[in-house]
Amino acid sequence: MNYAIILGLIVTGLLIGIEGSISQIRSDIKRINTNVNRIAQQVGVPDTVTDELKSLLLEGKKIKAIKKYREVTGFGLIEAKEYVDSLIELKSK
């Protein structure tokens, strides 16, 4: 069998495995953020960042909210968007 084909299959398998791991990590981050917010509310810790993000969302400034979350946390674009989207989901419940 051709080594290029074997190498291609190995690389494809690795990429699929990495993609699954990244997806799991994103899911974990979303769950952790939700739990941290709940704990902060129960303990009475003011969450000024989330309040600011919610305010931006009420003004229709979703992109600014994502940018603000990235600045504060250092997370990437996808993680920040997922977090801001989770705030939108919480608001609609």
N, C-alpha and C. Protein backbone atom coordinates (compact mmCIF):
# COMPACT_ATOMS: atom_id res chain seq x y z
N MET A 1 0.84 -1.18 0.00
CA MET A 1 0.00 0.00 0.00
C MET A 1 0.89 1.24 0.00
N ASN A 2 0.40 2.26 -0.58
CA ASN A 2 1.15 3.50 -0.71
C ASN A 2 1.24 4.20 0.65
N TYR A 3 2.46 4.63 1.01
CA TYR A 3 2.67 5.29 2.30
C TYR A 3 1.91 6.61 2.40
N ALA A 4 1.72 7.30 1.29
CA ALA A 4 0.99 8.57 1.30
C ALA A 4 -0.47 8.34 1.69
N ILE A 5 -1.06 7.26 1.23
CA ILE A 5 -2.44 6.94 1.58
C ILE A 5 -2.55 6.60 3.06
N ILE A 6 -1.61 5.80 3.54
CA ILE A 6 -1.61 5.43 4.96
C ILE A 6 -1.44 6.68 5.83
N LEU A 7 -0.50 7.52 5.46
CA LEU A 7 -0.27 8.75 6.20
C LEU A 7 -1.51 9.64 6.17
N GLY A 8 -2.15 9.73 5.03
CA GLY A 8 -3.38 10.52 4.90
C GLY A 8 -4.47 10.00 5.81
N LEU A 9 -4.62 8.69 5.89
CA LEU A 9 -5.63 8.09 6.76
C LEU A 9 -5.33 8.37 8.24
N ILE A 10 -4.07 8.30 8.59
CA ILE A 10 -3.67 8.56 9.98
C ILE A 10 -3.96 10.02 10.35
N VAL A 11 -3.56 10.93 9.48
CA VAL A 11 -3.80 12.35 9.73
C VAL A 11 -5.30 12.64 9.83
N THR A 12 -6.09 12.06 8.95
CA THR A 12 -7.54 12.25 8.98
C THR A 12 -8.11 11.76 10.30
N GLY A 13 -7.67 10.60 10.74
CA GLY A 13 -8.13 10.06 12.03
C GLY A 13 -7.76 10.97 13.19
N LEU A 14 -6.55 11.49 13.16
CA LEU A 14 -6.12 12.41 14.22
C LEU A 14 -6.95 13.67 14.22
N LEU A 15 -7.22 14.23 13.05
CA LEU A 15 -8.01 15.45 12.96
C LEU A 15 -9.43 15.24 13.47
N ILE A 16 -10.00 14.10 13.17
CA ILE A 16 -11.35 13.80 13.65
C ILE A 16 -11.34 13.68 15.18
N GLY A 17 -10.32 13.05 15.72
CA GLY A 17 -10.19 12.93 17.17
C GLY A 17 -10.01 14.28 17.85
N ILE A 18 -9.19 15.13 17.26
CA ILE A 18 -8.95 16.47 17.81
C ILE A 18 -10.23 17.29 17.75
N GLU A 19 -10.96 17.21 16.66
CA GLU A 19 -12.21 17.96 16.52
C GLU A 19 -13.21 17.55 17.59
N GLY A 20 -13.29 16.26 17.87
CA GLY A 20 -14.19 15.78 18.92
C GLY A 20 -13.77 16.29 20.29
N SER A 21 -12.47 16.34 20.53
CA SER A 21 -11.96 16.85 21.81
C SER A 21 -12.26 18.33 21.96
N ILE A 22 -12.08 19.09 20.92
CA ILE A 22 -12.37 20.53 20.96
C ILE A 22 -13.85 20.76 21.23
N SER A 23 -14.69 20.00 20.59
CA SER A 23 -16.12 20.12 20.81
C SER A 23 -16.47 19.83 22.27
N GLN A 24 -15.86 18.81 22.84
CA GLN A 24 -16.11 18.47 24.24
C GLN A 24 -15.63 19.59 25.16
N ILE A 25 -14.48 20.16 24.87
CA ILE A 25 -13.94 21.25 25.69
C ILE A 25 -14.87 22.45 25.63
N ARG A 26 -15.38 22.78 24.46
CA ARG A 26 -16.33 23.91 24.34
C ARG A 26 -17.57 23.66 25.17
N SER A 27 -18.06 22.46 25.12
CA SER A 27 -19.24 22.10 25.91
C SER A 27 -18.94 22.22 27.40
N ASP A 28 -17.76 21.78 27.81
CA ASP A 28 -17.36 21.88 29.21
C ASP A 28 -17.26 23.33 29.65
N ILE A 29 -16.67 24.18 28.82
CA ILE A 29 -16.53 25.60 29.15
C ILE A 29 -17.90 26.24 29.34
N LYS A 30 -18.82 25.93 28.45
CA LYS A 30 -20.17 26.49 28.56
C LYS A 30 -20.83 26.05 29.87
N ARG A 31 -20.69 24.78 30.21
CA ARG A 31 -21.27 24.26 31.45
C ARG A 31 -20.62 24.89 32.67
N ILE A 32 -19.31 25.04 32.65
CA ILE A 32 -18.59 25.64 33.77
C ILE A 32 -19.00 27.10 33.95
N ASN A 33 -19.09 27.84 32.86
CA ASN A 33 -19.51 29.24 32.95
C ASN A 33 -20.90 29.37 33.56
N THR A 34 -21.80 28.50 33.17
CA THR A 34 -23.15 28.51 33.72
C THR A 34 -23.12 28.23 35.22
N ASN A 35 -22.34 27.24 35.63
CA ASN A 35 -22.24 26.90 37.05
C ASN A 35 -21.58 28.02 37.86
N VAL A 36 -20.55 28.63 37.33
CA VAL A 36 -19.88 29.73 38.03
C VAL A 36 -20.85 30.90 38.23
N ASN A 37 -21.62 31.19 37.20
CA ASN A 37 -22.60 32.28 37.32
C ASN A 37 -23.65 31.97 38.38
N ARG A 38 -24.11 30.74 38.43
CA ARG A 38 -25.10 30.35 39.44
C ARG A 38 -24.52 30.45 40.85
N ILE A 39 -23.30 29.98 41.02
CA ILE A 39 -22.65 30.05 42.33
C ILE A 39 -22.46 31.51 42.75
N ALA A 40 -22.02 32.34 41.84
CA ALA A 40 -21.81 33.76 42.15
C ALA A 40 -23.12 34.42 42.58
N GLN A 41 -24.21 34.06 41.93
CA GLN A 41 -25.51 34.61 42.31
C GLN A 41 -25.90 34.16 43.71
N GLN A 42 -25.70 32.89 44.02
CA GLN A 42 -26.08 32.36 45.32
C GLN A 42 -25.25 32.97 46.45
N VAL A 43 -24.00 33.23 46.20
CA VAL A 43 -23.12 33.78 47.22
C VAL A 43 -23.29 35.30 47.31
N GLY A 44 -23.84 35.89 46.30
CA GLY A 44 -24.05 37.33 46.31
C GLY A 44 -22.89 38.13 45.75
N VAL A 45 -22.06 37.50 44.95
CA VAL A 45 -20.94 38.20 44.31
C VAL A 45 -21.48 38.99 43.12
N PRO A 46 -21.24 40.28 43.10
CA PRO A 46 -21.73 41.05 41.95
C PRO A 46 -20.96 40.68 40.69
N ASP A 47 -21.66 40.46 39.64
CA ASP A 47 -21.04 40.08 38.36
C ASP A 47 -21.19 41.25 37.41
N THR A 48 -20.30 42.21 37.55
CA THR A 48 -20.41 43.43 36.76
C THR A 48 -20.16 43.18 35.28
N VAL A 49 -19.31 42.20 34.97
CA VAL A 49 -19.02 41.91 33.56
C VAL A 49 -20.27 41.37 32.87
N THR A 50 -20.92 40.38 33.51
CA THR A 50 -22.11 39.80 32.91
C THR A 50 -23.21 40.85 32.81
N ASP A 51 -23.32 41.70 33.83
CA ASP A 51 -24.31 42.78 33.78
C ASP A 51 -24.05 43.70 32.60
N GLU A 52 -22.78 44.02 32.38
CA GLU A 52 -22.41 44.87 31.25
C GLU A 52 -22.71 44.18 29.92
N LEU A 53 -22.42 42.88 29.85
CA LEU A 53 -22.71 42.14 28.63
C LEU A 53 -24.21 42.11 28.35
N LYS A 54 -25.00 41.87 29.40
CA LYS A 54 -26.46 41.86 29.23
C LYS A 54 -26.96 43.22 28.78
N SER A 55 -26.39 44.27 29.32
CA SER A 55 -26.77 45.63 28.92
C SER A 55 -26.47 45.85 27.43
N LEU A 56 -25.29 45.41 27.02
CA LEU A 56 -24.94 45.54 25.59
C LEU A 56 -25.90 44.75 24.72
N LEU A 57 -26.29 43.57 25.18
CA LEU A 57 -27.22 42.75 24.40
C LEU A 57 -28.59 43.41 24.30
N LEU A 58 -29.03 44.03 25.38
CA LEU A 58 -30.32 44.74 25.35
C LEU A 58 -30.30 45.90 24.36
N GLU A 59 -29.12 46.48 24.17
CA GLU A 59 -28.95 47.57 23.21
C GLU A 59 -28.75 47.06 21.79
N GLY A 60 -28.73 45.73 21.63
CA GLY A 60 -28.54 45.15 20.31
C GLY A 60 -27.08 45.13 19.86
N LYS A 61 -26.16 45.19 20.81
CA LYS A 61 -24.73 45.26 20.49
C LYS A 61 -24.05 43.93 20.82
N LYS A 62 -24.47 42.89 20.14
CA LYS A 62 -23.93 41.55 20.40
C LYS A 62 -22.43 41.47 20.12
N ILE A 63 -21.99 42.07 19.04
CA ILE A 63 -20.57 42.00 18.68
C ILE A 63 -19.72 42.70 19.73
N LYS A 64 -20.20 43.84 20.24
CA LYS A 64 -19.45 44.53 21.31
C LYS A 64 -19.42 43.69 22.57
N ALA A 65 -20.50 42.97 22.85
CA ALA A 65 -20.54 42.10 24.03
C ALA A 65 -19.52 40.97 23.88
N ILE A 66 -19.43 40.40 22.71
CA ILE A 66 -18.45 39.33 22.45
C ILE A 66 -17.03 39.88 22.62
N LYS A 67 -16.79 41.05 22.05
CA LYS A 67 -15.47 41.66 22.16
C LYS A 67 -15.11 41.95 23.61
N LYS A 68 -16.06 42.47 24.38
CA LYS A 68 -15.82 42.77 25.78
C LYS A 68 -15.48 41.49 26.55
N TYR A 69 -16.22 40.43 26.31
CA TYR A 69 -15.96 39.16 27.00
C TYR A 69 -14.58 38.63 26.66
N ARG A 70 -14.17 38.77 25.40
CA ARG A 70 -12.83 38.33 25.00
C ARG A 70 -11.76 39.14 25.71
N GLU A 71 -11.97 40.46 25.83
CA GLU A 71 -10.99 41.32 26.49
C GLU A 71 -10.84 40.94 27.97
N VAL A 72 -11.96 40.66 28.62
CA VAL A 72 -11.95 40.38 30.05
C VAL A 72 -11.38 39.00 30.36
N THR A 73 -11.73 38.01 29.55
CA THR A 73 -11.37 36.62 29.87
C THR A 73 -10.15 36.11 29.12
N GLY A 74 -9.86 36.68 27.97
CA GLY A 74 -8.78 36.17 27.14
C GLY A 74 -9.19 34.98 26.29
N PHE A 75 -10.49 34.63 26.32
CA PHE A 75 -10.98 33.52 25.50
C PHE A 75 -10.97 33.91 24.03
N GLY A 76 -11.05 32.89 23.18
CA GLY A 76 -11.09 33.10 21.75
C GLY A 76 -12.48 33.51 21.30
N LEU A 77 -12.58 33.79 20.02
CA LEU A 77 -13.82 34.28 19.44
C LEU A 77 -14.96 33.27 19.61
N ILE A 78 -14.71 32.03 19.34
CA ILE A 78 -15.77 31.01 19.41
C ILE A 78 -16.29 30.86 20.83
N GLU A 79 -15.37 30.78 21.80
CA GLU A 79 -15.78 30.62 23.19
C GLU A 79 -16.57 31.83 23.68
N ALA A 80 -16.11 33.03 23.29
CA ALA A 80 -16.80 34.25 23.69
C ALA A 80 -18.20 34.31 23.09
N LYS A 81 -18.31 33.94 21.82
CA LYS A 81 -19.61 33.94 21.16
C LYS A 81 -20.55 32.95 21.84
N GLU A 82 -20.03 31.78 22.17
CA GLU A 82 -20.86 30.77 22.84
C GLU A 82 -21.33 31.27 24.20
N TYR A 83 -20.46 31.98 24.93
CA TYR A 83 -20.86 32.50 26.22
C TYR A 83 -21.94 33.56 26.08
N VAL A 84 -21.74 34.48 25.15
CA VAL A 84 -22.73 35.53 24.93
C VAL A 84 -24.04 34.91 24.46
N ASP A 85 -23.96 33.91 23.61
CA ASP A 85 -25.18 33.21 23.18
C ASP A 85 -25.88 32.54 24.36
N SER A 86 -25.10 32.03 25.32
CA SER A 86 -25.72 31.41 26.50
C SER A 86 -26.44 32.45 27.34
N LEU A 87 -25.94 33.69 27.35
CA LEU A 87 -26.65 34.76 28.06
C LEU A 87 -27.96 35.08 27.38
N ILE A 88 -27.96 35.02 26.06
CA ILE A 88 -29.19 35.27 25.30
C ILE A 88 -30.19 34.17 25.60
N GLU A 89 -29.72 32.92 25.66
CA GLU A 89 -30.60 31.79 25.96
C GLU A 89 -31.19 31.91 27.36
N LEU A 90 -30.36 32.33 28.33
CA LEU A 90 -30.84 32.50 29.72
C LEU A 90 -31.89 33.60 29.79
N LYS A 91 -31.67 34.65 29.00
CA LYS A 91 -32.60 35.78 29.00
C LYS A 91 -33.95 35.39 28.44
N SER A 92 -33.95 34.49 27.46
CA SER A 92 -35.21 34.10 26.81
C SER A 92 -36.00 33.07 27.62
N LYS A 93 -35.38 32.51 28.67
CA LYS A 93 -36.08 31.50 29.49
C LYS A 93 -36.93 32.15 30.55
